[in-house]
Amino acid sequence: MARKRYDLLVDGRRRAKAADDEEVRAWIEQYRAEHEEDDPDATHVQVLRNAPGFFGSVELVPREDFFR
């Protein structure tokens, strides 16, 4: 089982995990479609990249990096 590399948050609460960039893109695309009226730019979404290892670090990645 692959380790989930990303945490996807909305307003600071985790809503999903993703293993790779493509999963993040798909999740954000679905989120934007579902929130076309109230959050079309996914402003409320935060993407965290988890570094490997027990004491790995976490990096905030711009959500725009995953827009198609």
N, C-alpha and C. Protein backbone atom coordinates (compact mmCIF):
# COMPACT_ATOMS: atom_id res chain seq x y z
N MET A 1 0.83 -1.18 0.00
CA MET A 1 0.00 0.00 0.00
C MET A 1 0.88 1.25 0.00
N ALA A 2 0.63 2.14 -0.95
CA ALA A 2 1.42 3.36 -1.07
C ALA A 2 1.06 4.35 0.04
N ARG A 3 2.08 5.00 0.53
CA ARG A 3 1.88 6.02 1.56
C ARG A 3 1.23 7.24 0.92
N LYS A 4 0.27 7.83 1.59
CA LYS A 4 -0.38 9.03 1.09
C LYS A 4 0.55 10.20 1.29
N ARG A 5 0.91 10.84 0.20
CA ARG A 5 1.91 11.90 0.22
C ARG A 5 1.31 13.27 0.54
N TYR A 6 0.02 13.44 0.28
CA TYR A 6 -0.62 14.74 0.47
C TYR A 6 -1.82 14.65 1.40
N ASP A 7 -2.03 15.71 2.17
CA ASP A 7 -3.27 15.91 2.92
C ASP A 7 -3.98 17.08 2.25
N LEU A 8 -5.27 16.93 2.03
CA LEU A 8 -6.08 17.97 1.41
C LEU A 8 -7.05 18.50 2.46
N LEU A 9 -6.93 19.79 2.74
CA LEU A 9 -7.73 20.41 3.78
C LEU A 9 -8.65 21.46 3.19
N VAL A 10 -9.78 21.65 3.85
CA VAL A 10 -10.69 22.74 3.53
C VAL A 10 -10.91 23.50 4.82
N ASP A 11 -10.53 24.77 4.81
CA ASP A 11 -10.60 25.61 6.01
C ASP A 11 -9.89 24.96 7.19
N GLY A 12 -8.76 24.34 6.93
CA GLY A 12 -7.93 23.77 7.98
C GLY A 12 -8.32 22.38 8.46
N ARG A 13 -9.37 21.81 7.92
CA ARG A 13 -9.80 20.45 8.32
C ARG A 13 -9.53 19.47 7.19
N ARG A 14 -8.88 18.37 7.55
CA ARG A 14 -8.55 17.39 6.52
C ARG A 14 -9.82 16.77 5.94
N ARG A 15 -9.89 16.77 4.62
CA ARG A 15 -11.03 16.20 3.91
C ARG A 15 -10.64 14.98 3.10
N ALA A 16 -9.33 14.87 2.74
CA ALA A 16 -8.91 13.74 1.93
C ALA A 16 -7.40 13.59 2.01
N LYS A 17 -6.93 12.44 1.53
CA LYS A 17 -5.50 12.17 1.38
C LYS A 17 -5.29 11.76 -0.07
N ALA A 18 -4.11 12.04 -0.59
CA ALA A 18 -3.79 11.68 -1.97
C ALA A 18 -2.36 11.14 -2.03
N ALA A 19 -2.16 10.17 -2.90
CA ALA A 19 -0.86 9.53 -3.02
C ALA A 19 0.08 10.29 -3.96
N ASP A 20 -0.49 10.99 -4.95
CA ASP A 20 0.37 11.65 -5.93
C ASP A 20 -0.31 12.91 -6.49
N ASP A 21 0.43 13.61 -7.34
CA ASP A 21 -0.06 14.87 -7.91
C ASP A 21 -1.36 14.68 -8.68
N GLU A 22 -1.47 13.58 -9.40
CA GLU A 22 -2.68 13.35 -10.21
C GLU A 22 -3.92 13.18 -9.33
N GLU A 23 -3.78 12.51 -8.20
CA GLU A 23 -4.91 12.37 -7.27
C GLU A 23 -5.31 13.73 -6.71
N VAL A 24 -4.32 14.57 -6.41
CA VAL A 24 -4.60 15.92 -5.91
C VAL A 24 -5.36 16.71 -6.98
N ARG A 25 -4.87 16.67 -8.22
CA ARG A 25 -5.55 17.38 -9.32
C ARG A 25 -7.00 16.94 -9.46
N ALA A 26 -7.22 15.64 -9.42
CA ALA A 26 -8.58 15.11 -9.57
C ALA A 26 -9.47 15.57 -8.42
N TRP A 27 -8.95 15.54 -7.20
CA TRP A 27 -9.74 15.94 -6.04
C TRP A 27 -10.09 17.43 -6.12
N ILE A 28 -9.11 18.26 -6.47
CA ILE A 28 -9.36 19.70 -6.57
C ILE A 28 -10.34 19.99 -7.71
N GLU A 29 -10.19 19.30 -8.81
CA GLU A 29 -11.12 19.48 -9.93
C GLU A 29 -12.56 19.16 -9.50
N GLN A 30 -12.74 18.08 -8.77
CA GLN A 30 -14.07 17.71 -8.27
C GLN A 30 -14.57 18.75 -7.27
N TYR A 31 -13.70 19.19 -6.36
CA TYR A 31 -14.09 20.21 -5.38
C TYR A 31 -14.55 21.49 -6.09
N ARG A 32 -13.79 21.93 -7.09
CA ARG A 32 -14.16 23.16 -7.80
C ARG A 32 -15.49 23.02 -8.52
N ALA A 33 -15.76 21.84 -9.07
CA ALA A 33 -17.04 21.61 -9.75
C ALA A 33 -18.19 21.64 -8.75
N GLU A 34 -17.98 21.02 -7.59
CA GLU A 34 -19.02 20.98 -6.56
C GLU A 34 -19.26 22.35 -5.93
N HIS A 35 -18.25 23.21 -5.94
CA HIS A 35 -18.34 24.52 -5.30
C HIS A 35 -18.25 25.65 -6.32
N GLU A 36 -18.78 25.40 -7.49
CA GLU A 36 -18.74 26.39 -8.57
C GLU A 36 -19.36 27.72 -8.17
N GLU A 37 -20.39 27.67 -7.35
CA GLU A 37 -21.09 28.90 -6.93
C GLU A 37 -20.39 29.63 -5.78
N ASP A 38 -19.85 28.88 -4.81
CA ASP A 38 -19.33 29.53 -3.60
C ASP A 38 -17.81 29.53 -3.46
N ASP A 39 -17.08 28.70 -4.20
CA ASP A 39 -15.62 28.67 -4.08
C ASP A 39 -14.98 28.10 -5.36
N PRO A 40 -15.23 28.73 -6.50
CA PRO A 40 -14.74 28.17 -7.77
C PRO A 40 -13.22 28.15 -7.90
N ASP A 41 -12.53 29.01 -7.18
CA ASP A 41 -11.06 29.03 -7.23
C ASP A 41 -10.42 28.19 -6.14
N ALA A 42 -11.25 27.46 -5.40
CA ALA A 42 -10.77 26.59 -4.32
C ALA A 42 -9.96 27.37 -3.29
N THR A 43 -10.39 28.59 -3.01
CA THR A 43 -9.69 29.45 -2.06
C THR A 43 -9.61 28.83 -0.67
N HIS A 44 -10.57 28.02 -0.31
CA HIS A 44 -10.63 27.41 1.02
C HIS A 44 -9.79 26.13 1.12
N VAL A 45 -9.17 25.71 0.03
CA VAL A 45 -8.40 24.46 -0.01
C VAL A 45 -6.93 24.71 0.30
N GLN A 46 -6.37 23.88 1.17
CA GLN A 46 -4.95 23.88 1.44
C GLN A 46 -4.41 22.49 1.10
N VAL A 47 -3.23 22.46 0.47
CA VAL A 47 -2.59 21.20 0.10
C VAL A 47 -1.29 21.10 0.90
N LEU A 48 -1.17 20.03 1.69
CA LEU A 48 0.04 19.79 2.46
C LEU A 48 0.78 18.59 1.90
N ARG A 49 2.08 18.76 1.60
CA ARG A 49 2.91 17.66 1.13
C ARG A 49 3.69 17.12 2.34
N ASN A 50 3.55 15.84 2.57
CA ASN A 50 4.22 15.18 3.69
C ASN A 50 5.54 14.58 3.23
N ALA A 51 6.61 14.90 3.94
CA ALA A 51 7.91 14.32 3.64
C ALA A 51 7.95 12.89 4.19
N PRO A 52 8.69 12.02 3.53
CA PRO A 52 8.78 10.64 4.02
C PRO A 52 9.53 10.55 5.35
N GLY A 53 9.27 9.49 6.08
CA GLY A 53 9.97 9.26 7.33
C GLY A 53 9.11 9.58 8.54
N PHE A 54 9.52 9.04 9.66
CA PHE A 54 8.77 9.20 10.90
C PHE A 54 8.71 10.65 11.35
N PHE A 55 9.83 11.37 11.24
CA PHE A 55 9.89 12.77 11.66
C PHE A 55 9.88 13.70 10.45
N GLY A 56 9.15 13.30 9.42
CA GLY A 56 9.10 14.09 8.19
C GLY A 56 8.47 15.44 8.40
N SER A 57 8.80 16.33 7.52
CA SER A 57 8.24 17.68 7.59
C SER A 57 7.00 17.78 6.71
N VAL A 58 6.30 18.88 6.84
CA VAL A 58 5.09 19.14 6.06
C VAL A 58 5.29 20.48 5.36
N GLU A 59 4.93 20.52 4.09
CA GLU A 59 5.09 21.74 3.30
C GLU A 59 3.74 22.12 2.70
N LEU A 60 3.39 23.39 2.83
CA LEU A 60 2.18 23.92 2.20
C LEU A 60 2.49 24.18 0.73
N VAL A 61 1.70 23.58 -0.15
CA VAL A 61 1.91 23.69 -1.60
C VAL A 61 0.79 24.56 -2.18
N PRO A 62 1.11 25.52 -3.02
CA PRO A 62 0.05 26.34 -3.61
C PRO A 62 -0.94 25.48 -4.39
N ARG A 63 -2.21 25.65 -4.11
CA ARG A 63 -3.24 24.85 -4.77
C ARG A 63 -3.24 25.08 -6.28
N GLU A 64 -2.83 26.26 -6.70
CA GLU A 64 -2.79 26.58 -8.13
C GLU A 64 -1.83 25.67 -8.89
N ASP A 65 -0.86 25.10 -8.19
CA ASP A 65 0.07 24.18 -8.85
C ASP A 65 -0.65 22.96 -9.41
N PHE A 66 -1.87 22.69 -8.93
CA PHE A 66 -2.61 21.50 -9.34
C PHE A 66 -3.79 21.83 -10.25
N PHE A 67 -3.97 23.09 -10.60
CA PHE A 67 -5.05 23.46 -11.51
C PHE A 67 -4.72 22.98 -12.91
N ARG A 68 -5.73 22.55 -13.63
CA ARG A 68 -5.55 22.13 -15.03
C ARG A 68 -5.87 23.28 -15.93
